[in-house]
Each structure stands twice: as structure tokens, then as C-alpha cells.
C-alpha atoms as a PDB file:
ATOM      1  CA  MET A   1     123.774 112.770 185.817  1.00  0.00           C
ATOM      2  CA  LYS A   2     126.931 114.124 187.398  1.00  0.00           C
ATOM      3  CA  ILE A   3     130.085 113.439 185.451  1.00  0.00           C
ATOM      4  CA  SER A   4     133.266 113.233 187.473  1.00  0.00           C
ATOM      5  CA  ILE A   5     136.479 114.280 185.791  1.00  0.00           C
ATOM      6  CA  PRO A   6     139.493 112.131 186.587  1.00  0.00           C
ATOM      7  CA  LYS A   7     142.181 113.885 188.598  1.00  0.00           C
ATOM      8  CA  PRO A   8     144.925 113.368 185.990  1.00  0.00           C
ATOM      9  CA  LEU A   9     142.735 115.136 183.418  1.00  0.00           C
ATOM     10  CA  ILE A  10     142.161 118.092 185.776  1.00  0.00           C
ATOM     11  CA  TYR A  11     145.890 118.257 186.341  1.00  0.00           C
ATOM     12  CA  ASN A  12     146.558 118.201 182.581  1.00  0.00           C
ATOM     13  CA  LEU A  13     143.991 120.949 181.943  1.00  0.00           C
ATOM     14  CA  GLY A  14     145.710 123.078 184.576  1.00  0.00           C
ATOM     15  CA  MET A  15     149.049 122.525 182.902  1.00  0.00           C
ATOM     16  CA  LEU A  16     147.614 123.447 179.489  1.00  0.00           C
ATOM     17  CA  GLN A  17     146.110 126.628 180.915  1.00  0.00           C
ATOM     18  CA  ALA A  18     149.416 127.580 182.516  1.00  0.00           C
ATOM     19  CA  LEU A  19     151.264 126.882 179.273  1.00  0.00           C
ATOM     20  CA  HIS A  20     148.751 129.023 177.350  1.00  0.00           C
ATOM     21  CA  ILE A  21     149.216 131.931 179.778  1.00  0.00           C
ATOM     22  CA  ARG A  22     153.003 131.675 179.540  1.00  0.00           C
ATOM     23  CA  PHE A  23     152.855 131.512 175.749  1.00  0.00           C
ATOM     24  CA  GLU A  24     150.470 134.470 175.536  1.00  0.00           C
ATOM     25  CA  THR A  25     152.656 136.582 177.829  1.00  0.00           C
ATOM     26  CA  SER A  26     155.807 135.574 175.968  1.00  0.00           C
ATOM     27  CA  TYR A  27     154.144 136.280 172.615  1.00  0.00           C
ATOM     28  CA  ASN A  28     152.946 139.720 173.720  1.00  0.00           C
ATOM     29  CA  ASP A  29     156.410 140.578 175.021  1.00  0.00           C
ATOM     30  CA  HIS A  30     157.904 139.408 171.731  1.00  0.00           C
ATOM     31  CA  ILE A  31     155.476 141.514 169.668  1.00  0.00           C
ATOM     32  CA  GLN A  32     156.175 144.577 171.843  1.00  0.00           C
ATOM     33  CA  THR A  33     159.933 144.094 171.453  1.00  0.00           C
ATOM     34  CA  TYR A  34     159.516 143.540 167.711  1.00  0.00           C
ATOM     35  CA  ILE A  35     157.479 146.732 167.336  1.00  0.00           C
ATOM     36  CA  ARG A  36     160.101 148.787 169.202  1.00  0.00           C
ATOM     37  CA  LYS A  37     162.904 147.282 167.113  1.00  0.00           C
ATOM     38  CA  GLU A  38     161.096 148.039 163.869  1.00  0.00           C
ATOM     39  CA  GLY A  39     160.856 151.701 164.933  1.00  0.00           C
ATOM     40  CA  ILE A  40     157.061 151.945 165.030  1.00  0.00           C
ATOM     41  CA  VAL A  41     156.393 155.027 167.160  1.00  0.00           C
ATOM     42  CA  ILE A  42     153.535 155.388 169.617  1.00  0.00           C
ATOM     43  CA  LYS A  43     151.818 157.977 171.763  1.00  0.00           C
ATOM     44  CA  ILE A  44     152.544 157.520 175.449  1.00  0.00           C
ATOM     45  CA  GLY A  45     150.570 159.114 178.257  1.00  0.00           C
ATOM     46  CA  TYR A  46     151.552 160.084 181.778  1.00  0.00           C
ATOM     47  CA  CYS A  47     149.043 161.113 184.406  1.00  0.00           C
ATOM     48  CA  ARG A  48     149.453 161.831 188.093  1.00  0.00           C
ATOM     49  CA  VAL A  49     147.154 162.271 191.056  1.00  0.00           C
ATOM     50  CA  SER A  50     148.472 163.745 194.282  1.00  0.00           C
ATOM     51  CA  SER A  51     146.770 161.302 196.647  1.00  0.00           C
ATOM     52  CA  LEU A  52     146.019 157.595 196.623  1.00  0.00           C
ATOM     53  CA  SER A  53     142.270 158.255 196.924  1.00  0.00           C
ATOM     54  CA  GLN A  54     142.015 160.485 193.835  1.00  0.00           C
ATOM     55  CA  ASN A  55     140.717 158.986 190.594  1.00  0.00           C
ATOM     56  CA  PRO A  56     142.825 159.522 187.450  1.00  0.00           C
ATOM     57  CA  ALA A  57     139.901 158.567 185.156  1.00  0.00           C
ATOM     58  CA  ARG A  58     139.404 162.113 183.823  1.00  0.00           C
ATOM     59  CA  GLN A  59     143.065 162.424 182.840  1.00  0.00           C
ATOM     60  CA  ILE A  60     143.111 158.944 181.289  1.00  0.00           C
ATOM     61  CA  LYS A  61     140.007 159.708 179.201  1.00  0.00           C
ATOM     62  CA  ALA A  62     141.576 162.941 177.888  1.00  0.00           C
ATOM     63  CA  LEU A  63     144.756 161.069 176.930  1.00  0.00           C
ATOM     64  CA  GLU A  64     142.900 158.209 175.238  1.00  0.00           C
ATOM     65  CA  GLU A  65     140.985 160.739 173.121  1.00  0.00           C
ATOM     66  CA  GLN A  66     144.382 161.874 171.797  1.00  0.00           C
ATOM     67  CA  GLY A  67     145.241 158.346 170.651  1.00  0.00           C
ATOM     68  CA  VAL A  68     147.489 157.388 173.569  1.00  0.00           C
ATOM     69  CA  GLU A  69     148.301 153.667 173.392  1.00  0.00           C
ATOM     70  CA  LYS A  70     150.165 153.196 176.668  1.00  0.00           C
ATOM     71  CA  CYS A  71     149.606 155.203 179.833  1.00  0.00           C
ATOM     72  CA  PHE A  72     151.718 155.446 182.991  1.00  0.00           C
ATOM     73  CA  ILE A  73     149.601 156.299 186.035  1.00  0.00           C
ATOM     74  CA  GLU A  74     151.272 157.828 189.101  1.00  0.00           C
ATOM     75  CA  LYS A  75     149.418 157.705 192.406  1.00  0.00           C
ATOM     76  CA  LEU A  76     151.269 159.547 195.141  1.00  0.00           C
ATOM     77  CA  SER A  77     150.646 160.377 198.756  1.00  0.00           C
ATOM     78  CA  GLY A  78     151.172 163.987 199.794  1.00  0.00           C
ATOM     79  CA  LYS A  79     154.522 163.227 201.442  1.00  0.00           C
ATOM     80  CA  ASP A  80     155.970 161.118 198.622  1.00  0.00           C
ATOM     81  CA  LYS A  81     158.490 162.966 196.439  1.00  0.00           C
ATOM     82  CA  ASN A  82     159.525 159.924 194.401  1.00  0.00           C
ATOM     83  CA  ARG A  83     157.808 159.285 191.092  1.00  0.00           C
ATOM     84  CA  PRO A  84     158.550 155.694 190.052  1.00  0.00           C
ATOM     85  CA  LYS A  85     156.056 155.715 187.166  1.00  0.00           C
ATOM     86  CA  LEU A  86     157.647 158.855 185.722  1.00  0.00           C
ATOM     87  CA  GLN A  87     161.037 157.132 185.780  1.00  0.00           C
ATOM     88  CA  GLU A  88     159.481 154.017 184.249  1.00  0.00           C
ATOM     89  CA  MET A  89     157.975 156.132 181.466  1.00  0.00           C
ATOM     90  CA  MET A  90     161.292 157.913 180.827  1.00  0.00           C
ATOM     91  CA  ASN A  91     163.008 154.532 180.490  1.00  0.00           C
ATOM     92  CA  PHE A  92     160.288 153.108 178.210  1.00  0.00           C
ATOM     93  CA  ILE A  93     159.869 156.018 175.788  1.00  0.00           C
ATOM     94  CA  ARG A  94     161.870 155.954 172.552  1.00  0.00           C
ATOM     95  CA  GLU A  95     162.971 158.309 169.790  1.00  0.00           C
ATOM     96  CA  GLY A  96     160.026 159.289 167.613  1.00  0.00           C
ATOM     97  CA  ASP A  97     157.433 158.679 170.342  1.00  0.00           C
ATOM     98  CA  THR A  98     155.155 161.426 171.644  1.00  0.00           C
ATOM     99  CA  LEU A  99     154.464 162.022 175.329  1.00  0.00           C
ATOM    100  CA  VAL A 100     150.984 163.382 176.041  1.00  0.00           C
ATOM    101  CA  VAL A 101     150.001 164.888 179.410  1.00  0.00           C
ATOM    102  CA  GLU A 102     146.781 166.542 180.516  1.00  0.00           C
ATOM    103  CA  SER A 103     148.638 169.566 181.901  1.00  0.00           C
ATOM    104  CA  ILE A 104     152.112 170.706 182.914  1.00  0.00           C
ATOM    105  CA  SER A 105     151.162 170.403 186.591  1.00  0.00           C
ATOM    106  CA  ARG A 106     150.587 166.653 186.102  1.00  0.00           C
ATOM    107  CA  LEU A 107     154.039 166.135 184.568  1.00  0.00           C
ATOM    108  CA  ALA A 108     156.191 168.423 186.705  1.00  0.00           C
ATOM    109  CA  ARG A 109     156.142 169.994 190.152  1.00  0.00           C
ATOM    110  CA  ASN A 110     157.582 173.341 189.073  1.00  0.00           C
ATOM    111  CA  THR A 111     158.966 175.240 186.074  1.00  0.00           C
ATOM    112  CA  LYS A 112     162.513 173.952 186.584  1.00  0.00           C
ATOM    113  CA  ASP A 113     161.299 170.348 186.758  1.00  0.00           C
ATOM    114  CA  PHE A 114     159.187 170.825 183.610  1.00  0.00           C
ATOM    115  CA  LEU A 115     162.051 172.307 181.601  1.00  0.00           C
ATOM    116  CA  GLU A 116     164.456 169.547 182.646  1.00  0.00           C
ATOM    117  CA  ILE A 117     162.006 166.800 181.627  1.00  0.00           C
ATOM    118  CA  VAL A 118     161.119 168.462 178.305  1.00  0.00           C
ATOM    119  CA  ASN A 119     164.785 169.135 177.453  1.00  0.00           C
ATOM    120  CA  ASP A 120     165.698 165.521 178.249  1.00  0.00           C
ATOM    121  CA  LEU A 121     162.899 164.165 176.054  1.00  0.00           C
ATOM    122  CA  THR A 122     163.404 166.524 173.104  1.00  0.00           C
ATOM    123  CA  ASP A 123     167.148 165.787 173.146  1.00  0.00           C
ATOM    124  CA  ARG A 124     166.190 162.118 172.718  1.00  0.00           C
ATOM    125  CA  GLY A 125     163.904 162.881 169.780  1.00  0.00           C
ATOM    126  CA  VAL A 126     160.647 162.674 171.739  1.00  0.00           C
ATOM    127  CA  GLU A 127     157.877 165.241 171.264  1.00  0.00           C
ATOM    128  CA  VAL A 128     155.884 166.530 174.247  1.00  0.00           C
ATOM    129  CA  VAL A 129     152.225 167.554 174.169  1.00  0.00           C
ATOM    130  CA  SER A 130     150.409 169.261 177.058  1.00  0.00           C
ATOM    131  CA  LEU A 131     146.681 169.531 176.354  1.00  0.00           C
ATOM    132  CA  LYS A 132     145.673 172.254 178.819  1.00  0.00           C
ATOM    133  CA  GLU A 133     148.399 174.700 177.768  1.00  0.00           C
ATOM    134  CA  SER A 134     148.206 173.719 174.061  1.00  0.00           C
ATOM    135  CA  ILE A 135     151.931 172.934 174.011  1.00  0.00           C
ATOM    136  CA  ASP A 136     153.260 170.707 171.223  1.00  0.00           C
ATOM    137  CA  THR A 137     157.042 170.659 170.846  1.00  0.00           C
ATOM    138  CA  SER A 138     156.721 169.335 167.294  1.00  0.00           C
ATOM    139  CA  THR A 139     155.378 172.751 166.216  1.00  0.00           C
ATOM    140  CA  PRO A 140     157.158 176.136 166.093  1.00  0.00           C
ATOM    141  CA  GLN A 141     154.505 177.549 168.439  1.00  0.00           C
ATOM    142  CA  GLY A 142     155.125 174.806 170.996  1.00  0.00           C
ATOM    143  CA  LYS A 143     158.887 175.317 170.884  1.00  0.00           C
ATOM    144  CA  PHE A 144     158.359 179.066 171.291  1.00  0.00           C
ATOM    145  CA  ILE A 145     156.188 178.535 174.382  1.00  0.00           C
ATOM    146  CA  CYS A 146     158.906 176.331 175.929  1.00  0.00           C
ATOM    147  CA  THR A 147     161.448 179.090 175.202  1.00  0.00           C
ATOM    148  CA  ILE A 148     159.196 181.558 177.028  1.00  0.00           C
ATOM    149  CA  PHE A 149     158.972 179.157 179.984  1.00  0.00           C
ATOM    150  CA  GLY A 150     162.777 179.007 180.073  1.00  0.00           C
ATOM    151  CA  ALA A 151     163.088 182.799 179.992  1.00  0.00           C
ATOM    152  CA  LEU A 152     160.473 183.184 182.745  1.00  0.00           C
ATOM    153  CA  TYR A 153     162.296 180.654 184.908  1.00  0.00           C
ATOM    154  CA  GLU A 154     165.610 182.511 184.526  1.00  0.00           C
ATOM    155  CA  LEU A 155     163.867 185.816 185.282  1.00  0.00           C
ATOM    156  CA  GLU A 156     162.233 184.323 188.363  1.00  0.00           C
ATOM    157  CA  ARG A 157     165.542 182.880 189.581  1.00  0.00           C
ATOM    158  CA  GLU A 158     167.417 186.156 189.106  1.00  0.00           C
ATOM    159  CA  SER A 159     164.596 188.047 190.817  1.00  0.00           C
ATOM    160  CA  ILE A 160     164.782 185.738 193.840  1.00  0.00           C
ATOM    161  CA  LYS A 161     168.572 186.154 194.050  1.00  0.00           C
ATOM    162  CA  GLN A 162     168.217 189.938 193.813  1.00  0.00           C
ATOM    163  CA  ARG A 163     165.623 190.025 196.609  1.00  0.00           C
ATOM    164  CA  GLN A 164     167.855 187.834 198.772  1.00  0.00           C
ATOM    165  CA  MET A 165     170.838 190.166 198.293  1.00  0.00           C
ATOM    166  CA  GLU A 166     168.713 193.214 199.055  1.00  0.00           C
ATOM    167  CA  GLY A 167     167.374 191.530 202.184  1.00  0.00           C
ATOM    168  CA  ILE A 168     170.893 190.667 203.381  1.00  0.00           C
ATOM    169  CA  THR A 169     172.093 194.240 202.768  1.00  0.00           C
ATOM    170  CA  ILE A 170     169.184 195.717 204.739  1.00  0.00           C
ATOM    171  CA  ALA A 171     169.689 193.217 207.566  1.00  0.00           C
ATOM    172  CA  LYS A 172     173.418 194.018 207.791  1.00  0.00           C
ATOM    173  CA  GLU A 173     172.612 197.723 207.991  1.00  0.00           C
ATOM    174  CA  LYS A 174     170.394 196.907 210.972  1.00  0.00           C
ATOM    175  CA  GLY A 175     173.230 195.012 212.635  1.00  0.00           C
ATOM    176  CA  VAL A 176     171.999 191.480 211.993  1.00  0.00           C
ATOM    177  CA  ALA A 177     174.922 189.039 212.101  1.00  0.00           C
ATOM    178  CA  PHE A 178     175.298 186.401 209.364  1.00  0.00           C
ATOM    179  CA  GLY A 179     177.267 183.207 209.241  1.00  0.00           C
ATOM    180  CA  ARG A 180     178.581 181.112 212.104  1.00  0.00           C
ATOM    181  CA  PRO A 181     178.697 182.902 215.485  1.00  0.00           C
ATOM    182  CA  PRO A 182     182.201 183.774 216.760  1.00  0.00           C
ATOM    183  CA  ILE A 183     183.970 181.000 218.647  1.00  0.00           C
ATOM    184  CA  GLN A 184     184.174 181.576 222.382  1.00  0.00           C
ATOM    185  CA  ILE A 185     187.635 180.826 223.804  1.00  0.00           C
ATOM    186  CA  ASP A 186     187.923 180.945 227.591  1.00  0.00           C
ATOM    187  CA  ASP A 187     190.946 180.955 229.918  1.00  0.00           C
ATOM    188  CA  ASN A 188     190.666 177.224 230.560  1.00  0.00           C
ATOM    189  CA  PHE A 189     190.950 176.472 226.845  1.00  0.00           C
ATOM    190  CA  MET A 190     193.947 178.811 226.485  1.00  0.00           C
ATOM    191  CA  ARG A 191     195.681 177.091 229.392  1.00  0.00           C
ATOM    192  CA  GLU A 192     195.224 173.621 227.898  1.00  0.00           C
ATOM    193  CA  TYR A 193     196.050 174.941 224.417  1.00  0.00           C
ATOM    194  CA  LYS A 194     199.425 176.212 225.670  1.00  0.00           C
ATOM    195  CA  ARG A 195     200.186 172.864 227.293  1.00  0.00           C
ATOM    196  CA  TRP A 196     199.404 171.172 223.962  1.00  0.00           C
ATOM    197  CA  LYS A 197     201.596 173.620 222.035  1.00  0.00           C
ATOM    198  CA  GLU A 198     204.425 172.975 224.509  1.00  0.00           C
ATOM    199  CA  ARG A 199     204.023 169.236 223.783  1.00  0.00           C
ATOM    200  CA  LYS A 200     203.134 168.485 227.384  1.00  0.00           C
ATOM    201  CA  GLN A 201     200.023 166.615 226.260  1.00  0.00           C
ATOM    202  CA  THR A 202     198.561 165.231 223.057  1.00  0.00           C
ATOM    203  CA  ALA A 203     195.651 166.720 221.144  1.00  0.00           C
ATOM    204  CA  VAL A 204     193.445 163.794 222.211  1.00  0.00           C
ATOM    205  CA  GLN A 205     194.313 164.354 225.876  1.00  0.00           C
ATOM    206  CA  THR A 206     193.639 168.067 225.463  1.00  0.00           C
ATOM    207  CA  TYR A 207     190.173 167.952 223.945  1.00  0.00           C
ATOM    208  CA  LYS A 208     189.146 165.129 226.275  1.00  0.00           C
ATOM    209  CA  LYS A 209     190.181 167.237 229.281  1.00  0.00           C
ATOM    210  CA  LEU A 210     188.208 170.139 227.847  1.00  0.00           C
ATOM    211  CA  ASN A 211     185.250 167.793 227.204  1.00  0.00           C
ATOM    212  CA  ILE A 212     184.828 168.941 223.597  1.00  0.00           C
ATOM    213  CA  SER A 213     184.953 167.171 220.250  1.00  0.00           C
ATOM    214  CA  ARG A 214     188.038 166.914 218.062  1.00  0.00           C
ATOM    215  CA  THR A 215     186.359 169.181 215.474  1.00  0.00           C
ATOM    216  CA  SER A 216     185.566 171.875 218.059  1.00  0.00           C
ATOM    217  CA  PHE A 217     189.104 171.712 219.416  1.00  0.00           C
ATOM    218  CA  TYR A 218     190.771 172.272 216.054  1.00  0.00           C
ATOM    219  CA  ARG A 219     188.246 174.943 215.100  1.00  0.00           C
ATOM    220  CA  LYS A 220     189.233 176.910 218.192  1.00  0.00           C
ATOM    221  CA  VAL A 221     192.910 176.284 217.486  1.00  0.00           C
ATOM    222  CA  GLN A 222     192.442 177.725 213.985  1.00  0.00           C
ATOM    223  CA  GLN A 223     190.691 180.748 215.465  1.00  0.00           C
ATOM    224  CA  ILE A 224     193.590 181.360 217.877  1.00  0.00           C
ATOM    225  CA  GLU A 225     196.145 180.989 215.063  1.00  0.00           C
ATOM    226  CA  ARG A 226     194.212 183.409 212.831  1.00  0.00           C
ATOM    227  CA  ASP A 227     193.924 185.990 215.610  1.00  0.00           C
ATOM    228  CA  LYS A 228     197.637 185.636 216.312  1.00  0.00           C
ATOM    229  CA  ASP A 229     198.488 186.245 212.633  1.00  0.00           C
ATOM    230  CA  VAL A 230     196.317 189.368 212.592  1.00  0.00           C
ATOM    231  CA  VAL A 231     198.032 190.781 215.697  1.00  0.00           C
ATOM    232  CA  GLU A 232     201.522 190.038 214.347  1.00  0.00           C
ATOM    233  CA  SER A 233     200.756 191.628 210.969  1.00  0.00           C
END
């Protein structure tokens, strides 16, 4: 025998279900806030895949084996430079927590990025663990490895600057010009420039007659004034 449920009862059941969901969500939020206020620290994970089609399951499994309780998963396309989940994690993490990543390459794009993130977190009392490189900033060994990373980054930066300077020196010796090319000033410009200097026309009238922008006009004026000062000196 088919039993039909009155519509008011269906409606009331729906309301009860909705109330239960709202209560459960509110309760969970309350417990989470309470835990953070009481200072109970947790292990937080961050994993990243470089395309939307890649599966982060391997990284997640490695983090869960380390006791990670909350994981932020970043899925990025190749062209996307923003990392919203990283920012979300940085906002969520608290003093005393530990951030666990599968490798440095999953947390940061380069050495500079890695050092900035680690320095920010350690300044806030957060420890950082990278499984692949066996880095743990709560240990002397982990802090030492981060110091080495910092020294290598500075060495790399200075080396790049040195190579750039050497390249510029060699190029100059070969006659390669650097900087903005010299401004070309023709007779027509000089004629209109003199009329402007003699107050026979305004600057606006002058650069409109010359069909150039205001910026180009004053750049050429500055060039003429500089050349004049050099000749007079």
C-alpha cells in the first residue's frame, strides 16, 4: 500500500533538514574558532599542481602521512601567476602551526620566492617542513639549510649582476649604443622652437604645428637647452 505524505509534512521535513545543516555548519565554525582561540596548533599542508588536469593525490597522500589536518590545494593553469590558495593558507595559518609541503618546488617558484615565504612564516612563529629536501625549520639542521639557500641566492644574484656588467663593457667596446637613441632635431623644429621662444606662439600651437606630442616637444626643448649650455660653457 502506498502511503502519501501530506505536503505540509514534507515542507516541515525540508525546514528541519535546512535547520540541521545550518546548525551543523555553525557548530563546526564555532568549534574551529574555539580551537584557534585556545591556541591548539595544527599541521597545515599546501600542495600545487601546475595544470588543471594534473592530480594532486600523490602530494595529498604524502602530507596526510605526516599528520596534516587541513590541506590547501592549488590548481593552476600554465599562464596563471596568481596563487589564491597560497594566500588563503598564509591568512589561515597561526603562530605555533607547522606548514608541510611535499617539496620546495610545490611551495615556491624560485629561490627568492621560497625565502620570502619561509621568512614571513618563521617571523610569525610558524615552522616549515619540506619532505623532499628534508627541511624542518624547527631543527638546527633545517635552519642551517635555509641559511645556505639564502647565501646561494645572494651569490646567484651577484653573479648575474657581474655577468651583466661584463656584457655591457664588452658591448660598449664594440661600439654598441645603450640607452635612449639621440633625439633628432631638424630645421623645421628649430624654426618653430625659435618662434615659441620669441613668444610668437604658444607651446600647444607649436607642437600641434609640428604634429608631435607635448612630451616629445619638451624632450627636444630640453635637448636644445642642454646643448646650448654645453656650447656656452
